[in-house]
């Protein structure tokens, strides 16, 4: 009697096939919040990782809108402490000679 080999491998915990993740999305989200990142595969290859909002926020840099002048002052003072000297960029426009708009033809 011929039997078919099963290609279904046991997936690592926290790994979901795309169609399973779509069908059980609320469970994937709940597990991401409680157990940690959940990986989703497409055609057997890792495609995305679903993480909780708190874990994601820890990986993001500080919001640029929240930076203040105090942050700039602190950065400049730290640079001075490290021996860096900041030289401001200055641009001096060159003066053009005056244009004569008189109607006299010579």
PDB file of N, CA and C in Angstrom:
ATOM      1  N   UNK A   1       0.831  -1.171   0.000  1.00  0.00           N
ATOM      2  CA  UNK A   1       0.000   0.000   0.000  1.00  0.00           C
ATOM      3  C   UNK A   1       0.885   1.246   0.000  1.00  0.00           C
ATOM      4  N   UNK A   2       0.599   2.144  -0.871  1.00  0.00           N
ATOM      5  CA  UNK A   2       1.378   3.375  -0.967  1.00  0.00           C
ATOM      6  C   UNK A   2       0.776   4.433  -0.049  1.00  0.00           C
ATOM      7  N   UNK A   3       1.646   5.103   0.640  1.00  0.00           N
ATOM      8  CA  UNK A   3       1.189   6.199   1.491  1.00  0.00           C
ATOM      9  C   UNK A   3       1.923   7.462   1.089  1.00  0.00           C
ATOM     10  N   UNK A   4       1.333   8.526   1.399  1.00  0.00           N
ATOM     11  CA  UNK A   4       1.909   9.815   1.073  1.00  0.00           C
ATOM     12  C   UNK A   4       2.684  10.347   2.259  1.00  0.00           C
ATOM     13  N   UNK A   5       3.863  10.886   2.018  1.00  0.00           N
ATOM     14  CA  UNK A   5       4.637  11.500   3.099  1.00  0.00           C
ATOM     15  C   UNK A   5       3.989  12.826   3.470  1.00  0.00           C
ATOM     16  N   UNK A   6       3.978  13.061   4.720  1.00  0.00           N
ATOM     17  CA  UNK A   6       3.412  14.312   5.189  1.00  0.00           C
ATOM     18  C   UNK A   6       4.484  15.392   5.164  1.00  0.00           C
ATOM     19  N   UNK A   7       4.216  16.470   4.468  1.00  0.00           N
ATOM     20  CA  UNK A   7       5.161  17.587   4.403  1.00  0.00           C
ATOM     21  C   UNK A   7       4.950  18.576   5.527  1.00  0.00           C
ATOM     22  N   UNK A   8       3.969  18.315   6.369  1.00  0.00           N
ATOM     23  CA  UNK A   8       3.701  19.279   7.429  1.00  0.00           C
ATOM     24  C   UNK A   8       4.727  19.112   8.544  1.00  0.00           C
ATOM     25  N   UNK A   9       5.565  20.097   8.676  1.00  0.00           N
ATOM     26  CA  UNK A   9       6.569  20.115   9.737  1.00  0.00           C
ATOM     27  C   UNK A   9       5.983  20.840  10.928  1.00  0.00           C
ATOM     28  N   UNK A  10       6.444  20.457  12.076  1.00  0.00           N
ATOM     29  CA  UNK A  10       6.016  21.178  13.276  1.00  0.00           C
ATOM     30  C   UNK A  10       6.680  22.543  13.267  1.00  0.00           C
ATOM     31  N   UNK A  11       5.873  23.573  13.281  1.00  0.00           N
ATOM     32  CA  UNK A  11       6.405  24.932  13.303  1.00  0.00           C
ATOM     33  C   UNK A  11       6.868  25.268  14.718  1.00  0.00           C
ATOM     34  N   UNK A  12       7.869  26.094  14.784  1.00  0.00           N
ATOM     35  CA  UNK A  12       8.375  26.534  16.088  1.00  0.00           C
ATOM     36  C   UNK A  12       7.277  27.319  16.803  1.00  0.00           C
ATOM     37  N   UNK A  13       7.278  27.287  18.131  1.00  0.00           N
ATOM     38  CA  UNK A  13       6.270  28.075  18.853  1.00  0.00           C
ATOM     39  C   UNK A  13       6.393  29.555  18.474  1.00  0.00           C
ATOM     40  N   UNK A  14       5.265  30.178  18.293  1.00  0.00           N
ATOM     41  CA  UNK A  14       5.274  31.592  17.922  1.00  0.00           C
ATOM     42  C   UNK A  14       5.428  31.801  16.430  1.00  0.00           C
ATOM     43  N   UNK A  15       5.317  30.735  15.637  1.00  0.00           N
ATOM     44  CA  UNK A  15       5.414  30.841  14.187  1.00  0.00           C
ATOM     45  C   UNK A  15       4.092  30.392  13.575  1.00  0.00           C
ATOM     46  N   UNK A  16       3.584  31.186  12.653  1.00  0.00           N
ATOM     47  CA  UNK A  16       2.283  30.931  12.046  1.00  0.00           C
ATOM     48  C   UNK A  16       2.400  30.953  10.536  1.00  0.00           C
ATOM     49  N   UNK A  17       1.665  30.073   9.869  1.00  0.00           N
ATOM     50  CA  UNK A  17       1.507  30.180   8.427  1.00  0.00           C
ATOM     51  C   UNK A  17       0.557  31.347   8.181  1.00  0.00           C
ATOM     52  N   UNK A  18       0.701  31.991   7.055  1.00  0.00           N
ATOM     53  CA  UNK A  18      -0.103  33.181   6.761  1.00  0.00           C
ATOM     54  C   UNK A  18      -1.598  32.896   6.843  1.00  0.00           C
ATOM     55  N   UNK A  19      -2.051  31.807   6.242  1.00  0.00           N
ATOM     56  CA  UNK A  19      -3.489  31.536   6.251  1.00  0.00           C
ATOM     57  C   UNK A  19      -3.990  31.263   7.664  1.00  0.00           C
ATOM     58  N   UNK A  20      -3.175  30.631   8.515  1.00  0.00           N
ATOM     59  CA  UNK A  20      -3.579  30.409   9.903  1.00  0.00           C
ATOM     60  C   UNK A  20      -3.605  31.718  10.684  1.00  0.00           C
ATOM     61  N   UNK A  21      -2.623  32.573  10.439  1.00  0.00           N
ATOM     62  CA  UNK A  21      -2.575  33.864  11.135  1.00  0.00           C
ATOM     63  C   UNK A  21      -3.779  34.725  10.757  1.00  0.00           C
ATOM     64  N   UNK A  22      -4.177  34.675   9.485  1.00  0.00           N
ATOM     65  CA  UNK A  22      -5.349  35.440   9.061  1.00  0.00           C
ATOM     66  C   UNK A  22      -6.615  34.905   9.711  1.00  0.00           C
ATOM     67  N   UNK A  23      -6.730  33.599   9.772  1.00  0.00           N
ATOM     68  CA  UNK A  23      -7.942  32.998  10.333  1.00  0.00           C
ATOM     69  C   UNK A  23      -8.037  33.196  11.843  1.00  0.00           C
ATOM     70  N   UNK A  24      -6.897  33.270  12.509  1.00  0.00           N
ATOM     71  CA  UNK A  24      -6.890  33.374  13.975  1.00  0.00           C
ATOM     72  C   UNK A  24      -6.148  34.637  14.422  1.00  0.00           C
ATOM     73  N   UNK A  25      -6.405  35.741  13.720  1.00  0.00           N
ATOM     74  CA  UNK A  25      -5.667  36.979  13.955  1.00  0.00           C
ATOM     75  C   UNK A  25      -5.769  37.466  15.400  1.00  0.00           C
ATOM     76  N   UNK A  26      -6.943  37.427  15.982  1.00  0.00           N
ATOM     77  CA  UNK A  26      -7.100  37.923  17.354  1.00  0.00           C
ATOM     78  C   UNK A  26      -6.250  37.104  18.321  1.00  0.00           C
ATOM     79  N   UNK A  27      -6.108  35.808  18.057  1.00  0.00           N
ATOM     80  CA  UNK A  27      -5.260  34.983  18.917  1.00  0.00           C
ATOM     81  C   UNK A  27      -3.783  35.335  18.724  1.00  0.00           C
ATOM     82  N   UNK A  28      -3.385  35.601  17.490  1.00  0.00           N
ATOM     83  CA  UNK A  28      -1.997  35.995  17.217  1.00  0.00           C
ATOM     84  C   UNK A  28      -1.673  37.292  17.950  1.00  0.00           C
ATOM     85  N   UNK A  29      -2.586  38.243  17.909  1.00  0.00           N
ATOM     86  CA  UNK A  29      -2.373  39.526  18.584  1.00  0.00           C
ATOM     87  C   UNK A  29      -2.284  39.318  20.098  1.00  0.00           C
ATOM     88  N   UNK A  30      -3.194  38.522  20.654  1.00  0.00           N
ATOM     89  CA  UNK A  30      -3.176  38.257  22.096  1.00  0.00           C
ATOM     90  C   UNK A  30      -1.866  37.595  22.519  1.00  0.00           C
ATOM     91  N   UNK A  31      -1.384  36.642  21.725  1.00  0.00           N
ATOM     92  CA  UNK A  31      -0.123  35.979  22.052  1.00  0.00           C
ATOM     93  C   UNK A  31       1.066  36.932  21.917  1.00  0.00           C
ATOM     94  N   UNK A  32       1.010  37.836  20.957  1.00  0.00           N
ATOM     95  CA  UNK A  32       2.081  38.822  20.802  1.00  0.00           C
ATOM     96  C   UNK A  32       2.152  39.718  22.041  1.00  0.00           C
ATOM     97  N   UNK A  33       0.988  40.018  22.628  1.00  0.00           N
ATOM     98  CA  UNK A  33       0.959  40.866  23.820  1.00  0.00           C
ATOM     99  C   UNK A  33       1.411  40.118  25.063  1.00  0.00           C
ATOM    100  N   UNK A  34       1.134  38.829  25.144  1.00  0.00           N
ATOM    101  CA  UNK A  34       1.429  38.082  26.373  1.00  0.00           C
ATOM    102  C   UNK A  34       2.701  37.252  26.290  1.00  0.00           C
ATOM    103  N   UNK A  35       2.941  36.585  25.164  1.00  0.00           N
ATOM    104  CA  UNK A  35       4.066  35.649  25.061  1.00  0.00           C
ATOM    105  C   UNK A  35       5.258  36.198  24.302  1.00  0.00           C
ATOM    106  N   UNK A  36       5.064  37.283  23.556  1.00  0.00           N
ATOM    107  CA  UNK A  36       6.181  37.844  22.802  1.00  0.00           C
ATOM    108  C   UNK A  36       5.921  37.823  21.304  1.00  0.00           C
ATOM    109  N   UNK A  37       6.925  38.193  20.521  1.00  0.00           N
ATOM    110  CA  UNK A  37       6.767  38.315  19.071  1.00  0.00           C
ATOM    111  C   UNK A  37       6.261  37.030  18.419  1.00  0.00           C
ATOM    112  N   UNK A  38       5.380  37.198  17.434  1.00  0.00           N
ATOM    113  CA  UNK A  38       4.827  36.083  16.675  1.00  0.00           C
ATOM    114  C   UNK A  38       5.268  36.232  15.219  1.00  0.00           C
ATOM    115  N   UNK A  39       5.907  35.202  14.686  1.00  0.00           N
ATOM    116  CA  UNK A  39       6.404  35.240  13.306  1.00  0.00           C
ATOM    117  C   UNK A  39       5.356  34.650  12.365  1.00  0.00           C
ATOM    118  N   UNK A  40       5.227  35.267  11.192  1.00  0.00           N
ATOM    119  CA  UNK A  40       4.306  34.779  10.177  1.00  0.00           C
ATOM    120  C   UNK A  40       5.129  34.418   8.951  1.00  0.00           C
ATOM    121  N   UNK A  41       4.870  33.232   8.407  1.00  0.00           N
ATOM    122  CA  UNK A  41       5.617  32.768   7.244  1.00  0.00           C
ATOM    123  C   UNK A  41       4.727  32.769   6.010  1.00  0.00           C
ATOM    124  N   UNK A  42       5.364  32.978   4.868  1.00  0.00           N
ATOM    125  CA  UNK A  42       4.695  32.886   3.572  1.00  0.00           C
ATOM    126  C   UNK A  42       5.526  31.931   2.731  1.00  0.00           C
ATOM    127  N   UNK A  43       4.924  30.877   2.291  1.00  0.00           N
ATOM    128  CA  UNK A  43       5.610  29.833   1.522  1.00  0.00           C
ATOM    129  C   UNK A  43       6.824  29.292   2.275  1.00  0.00           C
ATOM    130  N   UNK A  44       6.699  29.179   3.582  1.00  0.00           N
ATOM    131  CA  UNK A  44       7.753  28.593   4.399  1.00  0.00           C
ATOM    132  C   UNK A  44       8.883  29.536   4.764  1.00  0.00           C
ATOM    133  N   UNK A  45       8.825  30.771   4.326  1.00  0.00           N
ATOM    134  CA  UNK A  45       9.882  31.748   4.627  1.00  0.00           C
ATOM    135  C   UNK A  45       9.315  32.822   5.545  1.00  0.00           C
ATOM    136  N   UNK A  46      10.135  33.273   6.503  1.00  0.00           N
ATOM    137  CA  UNK A  46       9.686  34.311   7.433  1.00  0.00           C
ATOM    138  C   UNK A  46       9.363  35.582   6.649  1.00  0.00           C
ATOM    139  N   UNK A  47       8.168  36.115   6.884  1.00  0.00           N
ATOM    140  CA  UNK A  47       7.730  37.318   6.170  1.00  0.00           C
ATOM    141  C   UNK A  47       7.614  38.513   7.104  1.00  0.00           C
ATOM    142  N   UNK A  48       6.906  38.358   8.222  1.00  0.00           N
ATOM    143  CA  UNK A  48       6.712  39.474   9.145  1.00  0.00           C
ATOM    144  C   UNK A  48       6.746  38.962  10.574  1.00  0.00           C
ATOM    145  N   UNK A  49       6.924  39.910  11.487  1.00  0.00           N
ATOM    146  CA  UNK A  49       6.867  39.609  12.911  1.00  0.00           C
ATOM    147  C   UNK A  49       5.840  40.546  13.524  1.00  0.00           C
ATOM    148  N   UNK A  50       4.922  39.990  14.275  1.00  0.00           N
ATOM    149  CA  UNK A  50       3.900  40.787  14.950  1.00  0.00           C
ATOM    150  C   UNK A  50       4.336  40.954  16.398  1.00  0.00           C
ATOM    151  N   UNK A  51       4.485  42.203  16.839  1.00  0.00           N
ATOM    152  CA  UNK A  51       4.915  42.499  18.206  1.00  0.00           C
ATOM    153  C   UNK A  51       3.881  43.393  18.872  1.00  0.00           C
ATOM    154  N   UNK A  52       3.916  43.432  20.193  1.00  0.00           N
ATOM    155  CA  UNK A  52       2.991  44.291  20.917  1.00  0.00           C
ATOM    156  C   UNK A  52       3.393  45.757  20.718  1.00  0.00           C
ATOM    157  N   UNK A  53       2.456  46.646  20.941  1.00  0.00           N
ATOM    158  CA  UNK A  53       2.725  48.080  20.780  1.00  0.00           C
ATOM    159  C   UNK A  53       3.803  48.544  21.751  1.00  0.00           C
ATOM    160  N   UNK A  54       3.820  48.003  22.962  1.00  0.00           N
ATOM    161  CA  UNK A  54       4.842  48.390  23.947  1.00  0.00           C
ATOM    162  C   UNK A  54       6.233  47.979  23.488  1.00  0.00           C
ATOM    163  N   UNK A  55       6.368  46.760  22.966  1.00  0.00           N
ATOM    164  CA  UNK A  55       7.669  46.304  22.471  1.00  0.00           C
ATOM    165  C   UNK A  55       8.127  47.141  21.289  1.00  0.00           C
ATOM    166  N   UNK A  56       7.183  47.485  20.411  1.00  0.00           N
ATOM    167  CA  UNK A  56       7.524  48.299  19.244  1.00  0.00           C
ATOM    168  C   UNK A  56       7.977  49.689  19.669  1.00  0.00           C
ATOM    169  N   UNK A  57       7.295  50.290  20.640  1.00  0.00           N
ATOM    170  CA  UNK A  57       7.639  51.640  21.102  1.00  0.00           C
ATOM    171  C   UNK A  57       9.048  51.687  21.684  1.00  0.00           C
ATOM    172  N   UNK A  58       9.485  50.604  22.314  1.00  0.00           N
ATOM    173  CA  UNK A  58      10.836  50.570  22.892  1.00  0.00           C
ATOM    174  C   UNK A  58      11.907  50.607  21.815  1.00  0.00           C
ATOM    175  N   UNK A  59      11.599  50.137  20.622  1.00  0.00           N
ATOM    176  CA  UNK A  59      12.602  50.079  19.559  1.00  0.00           C
ATOM    177  C   UNK A  59      12.682  51.366  18.749  1.00  0.00           C
ATOM    178  N   UNK A  60      11.714  52.260  18.914  1.00  0.00           N
ATOM    179  CA  UNK A  60      11.662  53.480  18.113  1.00  0.00           C
ATOM    180  C   UNK A  60      12.450  54.603  18.772  1.00  0.00           C
ATOM    181  N   UNK A  61      13.123  55.434  17.961  1.00  0.00           N
ATOM    182  CA  UNK A  61      13.820  56.588  18.520  1.00  0.00           C
ATOM    183  C   UNK A  61      12.820  57.600  19.070  1.00  0.00           C
ATOM    184  N   UNK A  62      13.318  58.520  19.851  1.00  0.00           N
ATOM    185  CA  UNK A  62      12.453  59.556  20.427  1.00  0.00           C
ATOM    186  C   UNK A  62      11.764  60.324  19.305  1.00  0.00           C
ATOM    187  N   UNK A  63      10.536  60.694  19.531  1.00  0.00           N
ATOM    188  CA  UNK A  63       9.753  61.427  18.548  1.00  0.00           C
ATOM    189  C   UNK A  63      10.400  62.791  18.298  1.00  0.00           C
ATOM    190  N   UNK A  64      10.616  63.131  17.045  1.00  0.00           N
ATOM    191  CA  UNK A  64      11.285  64.387  16.704  1.00  0.00           C
ATOM    192  C   UNK A  64      10.487  65.597  17.159  1.00  0.00           C
ATOM    193  N   UNK A  65       9.172  65.473  17.212  1.00  0.00           N
ATOM    194  CA  UNK A  65       8.343  66.601  17.626  1.00  0.00           C
ATOM    195  C   UNK A  65       8.509  66.911  19.107  1.00  0.00           C
ATOM    196  N   UNK A  66       8.988  65.955  19.868  1.00  0.00           N
ATOM    197  CA  UNK A  66       9.125  66.153  21.304  1.00  0.00           C
ATOM    198  C   UNK A  66      10.484  66.730  21.692  1.00  0.00           C
ATOM    199  N   UNK A  67      11.363  66.917  20.738  1.00  0.00           N
ATOM    200  CA  UNK A  67      12.666  67.489  21.043  1.00  0.00           C
ATOM    201  C   UNK A  67      12.514  68.977  21.314  1.00  0.00           C
ATOM    202  N   UNK A  68      13.318  69.471  22.244  1.00  0.00           N
ATOM    203  CA  UNK A  68      13.235  70.876  22.621  1.00  0.00           C
ATOM    204  C   UNK A  68      14.597  71.525  22.480  1.00  0.00           C
ATOM    205  N   UNK A  69      14.633  72.820  22.727  1.00  0.00           N
ATOM    206  CA  UNK A  69      15.894  73.546  22.712  1.00  0.00           C
ATOM    207  C   UNK A  69      16.831  73.043  23.796  1.00  0.00           C
ATOM    208  N   UNK A  70      16.267  72.543  24.902  1.00  0.00           N
ATOM    209  CA  UNK A  70      17.090  72.001  25.983  1.00  0.00           C
ATOM    210  C   UNK A  70      17.889  70.796  25.486  1.00  0.00           C
ATOM    211  N   UNK A  71      17.315  70.006  24.581  1.00  0.00           N
ATOM    212  CA  UNK A  71      18.034  68.872  24.010  1.00  0.00           C
ATOM    213  C   UNK A  71      19.228  69.350  23.184  1.00  0.00           C
ATOM    214  N   UNK A  72      19.040  70.426  22.428  1.00  0.00           N
ATOM    215  CA  UNK A  72      20.128  70.982  21.629  1.00  0.00           C
ATOM    216  C   UNK A  72      21.233  71.513  22.528  1.00  0.00           C
ATOM    217  N   UNK A  73      20.857  72.226  23.577  1.00  0.00           N
ATOM    218  CA  UNK A  73      21.851  72.758  24.511  1.00  0.00           C
ATOM    219  C   UNK A  73      22.631  71.626  25.165  1.00  0.00           C
ATOM    220  N   UNK A  74      21.935  70.576  25.580  1.00  0.00           N
ATOM    221  CA  UNK A  74      22.607  69.434  26.204  1.00  0.00           C
ATOM    222  C   UNK A  74      23.572  68.774  25.232  1.00  0.00           C
ATOM    223  N   UNK A  75      23.172  68.653  23.965  1.00  0.00           N
ATOM    224  CA  UNK A  75      24.054  68.042  22.963  1.00  0.00           C
ATOM    225  C   UNK A  75      25.287  68.904  22.730  1.00  0.00           C
ATOM    226  N   UNK A  76      25.110  70.219  22.682  1.00  0.00           N
ATOM    227  CA  UNK A  76      26.245  71.107  22.475  1.00  0.00           C
ATOM    228  C   UNK A  76      27.191  71.089  23.677  1.00  0.00           C
ATOM    229  N   UNK A  77      26.638  71.037  24.881  1.00  0.00           N
ATOM    230  CA  UNK A  77      27.480  70.965  26.073  1.00  0.00           C
ATOM    231  C   UNK A  77      28.242  69.647  26.124  1.00  0.00           C
ATOM    232  N   UNK A  78      27.601  68.574  25.708  1.00  0.00           N
ATOM    233  CA  UNK A  78      28.287  67.282  25.668  1.00  0.00           C
ATOM    234  C   UNK A  78      29.425  67.322  24.652  1.00  0.00           C
ATOM    235  N   UNK A  79      29.193  67.976  23.520  1.00  0.00           N
ATOM    236  CA  UNK A  79      30.246  68.121  22.516  1.00  0.00           C
ATOM    237  C   UNK A  79      31.415  68.918  23.058  1.00  0.00           C
ATOM    238  N   UNK A  80      31.135  69.975  23.782  1.00  0.00           N
ATOM    239  CA  UNK A  80      32.203  70.775  24.375  1.00  0.00           C
ATOM    240  C   UNK A  80      32.990  69.956  25.393  1.00  0.00           C
ATOM    241  N   UNK A  81      32.272  69.144  26.177  1.00  0.00           N
ATOM    242  CA  UNK A  81      32.934  68.303  27.173  1.00  0.00           C
ATOM    243  C   UNK A  81      33.863  67.300  26.501  1.00  0.00           C
ATOM    244  N   UNK A  82      33.491  66.852  25.310  1.00  0.00           N
ATOM    245  CA  UNK A  82      34.313  65.892  24.573  1.00  0.00           C
ATOM    246  C   UNK A  82      35.425  66.570  23.777  1.00  0.00           C
ATOM    247  N   UNK A  83      35.481  67.881  23.815  1.00  0.00           N
ATOM    248  CA  UNK A  83      36.536  68.607  23.127  1.00  0.00           C
ATOM    249  C   UNK A  83      36.182  69.010  21.711  1.00  0.00           C
ATOM    250  N   UNK A  84      34.934  68.931  21.341  1.00  0.00           N
ATOM    251  CA  UNK A  84      34.530  69.331  19.999  1.00  0.00           C
ATOM    252  C   UNK A  84      34.265  70.823  19.981  1.00  0.00           C
ATOM    253  N   UNK A  85      34.647  71.450  18.904  1.00  0.00           N
ATOM    254  CA  UNK A  85      34.391  72.880  18.764  1.00  0.00           C
ATOM    255  C   UNK A  85      33.472  73.073  17.567  1.00  0.00           C
ATOM    256  N   UNK A  86      32.385  73.754  17.779  1.00  0.00           N
ATOM    257  CA  UNK A  86      31.449  74.031  16.710  1.00  0.00           C
ATOM    258  C   UNK A  86      31.751  75.391  16.116  1.00  0.00           C
ATOM    259  N   UNK A  87      31.922  75.416  14.804  1.00  0.00           N
ATOM    260  CA  UNK A  87      32.178  76.673  14.131  1.00  0.00           C
ATOM    261  C   UNK A  87      30.965  76.964  13.266  1.00  0.00           C
ATOM    262  N   UNK A  88      30.286  78.072  13.510  1.00  0.00           N
ATOM    263  CA  UNK A  88      29.080  78.360  12.723  1.00  0.00           C
ATOM    264  C   UNK A  88      29.419  78.611  11.265  1.00  0.00           C
ATOM    265  N   UNK A  89      28.551  78.188  10.396  1.00  0.00           N
ATOM    266  CA  UNK A  89      28.712  78.423   8.976  1.00  0.00           C
ATOM    267  C   UNK A  89      28.226  79.828   8.671  1.00  0.00           C
ATOM    268  N   UNK A  90      29.070  80.602   8.075  1.00  0.00           N
ATOM    269  CA  UNK A  90      28.710  81.974   7.736  1.00  0.00           C
ATOM    270  C   UNK A  90      28.787  82.144   6.222  1.00  0.00           C
ATOM    271  N   UNK A  91      27.809  82.826   5.680  1.00  0.00           N
ATOM    272  CA  UNK A  91      27.782  83.100   4.255  1.00  0.00           C
ATOM    273  C   UNK A  91      27.739  84.608   4.072  1.00  0.00           C
ATOM    274  N   UNK A  92      28.719  85.115   3.377  1.00  0.00           N
ATOM    275  CA  UNK A  92      28.783  86.541   3.097  1.00  0.00           C
ATOM    276  C   UNK A  92      28.550  86.731   1.603  1.00  0.00           C
ATOM    277  N   UNK A  93      27.450  87.360   1.274  1.00  0.00           N
ATOM    278  CA  UNK A  93      27.132  87.597  -0.132  1.00  0.00           C
ATOM    279  C   UNK A  93      28.080  88.645  -0.697  1.00  0.00           C
ATOM    280  N   UNK A  94      28.526  88.412  -1.902  1.00  0.00           N
ATOM    281  CA  UNK A  94      29.409  89.389  -2.548  1.00  0.00           C
ATOM    282  C   UNK A  94      28.548  90.511  -3.121  1.00  0.00           C
ATOM    283  N   UNK A  95      29.029  91.740  -3.008  1.00  0.00           N
ATOM    284  CA  UNK A  95      28.284  92.896  -3.511  1.00  0.00           C
ATOM    285  C   UNK A  95      28.544  93.043  -5.006  1.00  0.00           C
ATOM    286  N   UNK A  96      27.464  93.300  -5.739  1.00  0.00           N
ATOM    287  CA  UNK A  96      27.613  93.523  -7.169  1.00  0.00           C
ATOM    288  C   UNK A  96      27.790  95.019  -7.409  1.00  0.00           C
ATOM    289  N   UNK A  97      28.470  95.379  -8.476  1.00  0.00           N
ATOM    290  CA  UNK A  97      28.609  96.814  -8.770  1.00  0.00           C
ATOM    291  C   UNK A  97      27.241  97.408  -9.095  1.00  0.00           C
ATOM    292  N   UNK A  98      27.046  98.688  -8.799  1.00  0.00           N
ATOM    293  CA  UNK A  98      25.743  99.308  -9.071  1.00  0.00           C
ATOM    294  C   UNK A  98      25.454  99.343 -10.571  1.00  0.00           C
ATOM    295  N   UNK A  99      24.195  99.250 -10.907  1.00  0.00           N
ATOM    296  CA  UNK A  99      23.761  99.269 -12.301  1.00  0.00           C
ATOM    297  C   UNK A  99      23.268 100.673 -12.624  1.00  0.00           C
ATOM    298  N   UNK A 100      23.734 101.241 -13.720  1.00  0.00           N
ATOM    299  CA  UNK A 100      23.337 102.581 -14.126  1.00  0.00           C
ATOM    300  C   UNK A 100      22.133 102.485 -15.040  1.00  0.00           C
ATOM    301  N   UNK A 101      20.987 103.025 -14.603  1.00  0.00           N
ATOM    302  CA  UNK A 101      19.766 102.970 -15.402  1.00  0.00           C
ATOM    303  C   UNK A 101      19.452 104.320 -16.056  1.00  0.00           C
ATOM    304  N   UNK A 102      20.440 105.171 -16.156  1.00  0.00           N
ATOM    305  CA  UNK A 102      20.175 106.491 -16.754  1.00  0.00           C
ATOM    306  C   UNK A 102      19.893 106.328 -18.254  1.00  0.00           C
ATOM    307  N   UNK A 103      19.100 107.264 -18.770  1.00  0.00           N
ATOM    308  CA  UNK A 103      18.701 107.198 -20.172  1.00  0.00           C
ATOM    309  C   UNK A 103      19.712 107.878 -21.099  1.00  0.00           C
ATOM    310  N   UNK A 104      20.794 108.431 -20.556  1.00  0.00           N
ATOM    311  CA  UNK A 104      21.767 109.144 -21.390  1.00  0.00           C
ATOM    312  C   UNK A 104      22.522 108.121 -22.243  1.00  0.00           C
ATOM    313  N   UNK A 105      22.514 108.377 -23.483  1.00  0.00           N
ATOM    314  CA  UNK A 105      23.334 107.567 -24.393  1.00  0.00           C
ATOM    315  C   UNK A 105      24.576 108.363 -24.669  1.00  0.00           C
ATOM    316  N   UNK A 106      25.695 107.786 -24.547  1.00  0.00           N
ATOM    317  CA  UNK A 106      26.956 108.492 -24.772  1.00  0.00           C
ATOM    318  C   UNK A 106      27.529 108.180 -26.107  1.00  0.00           C
TER     319      UNK A 106
END
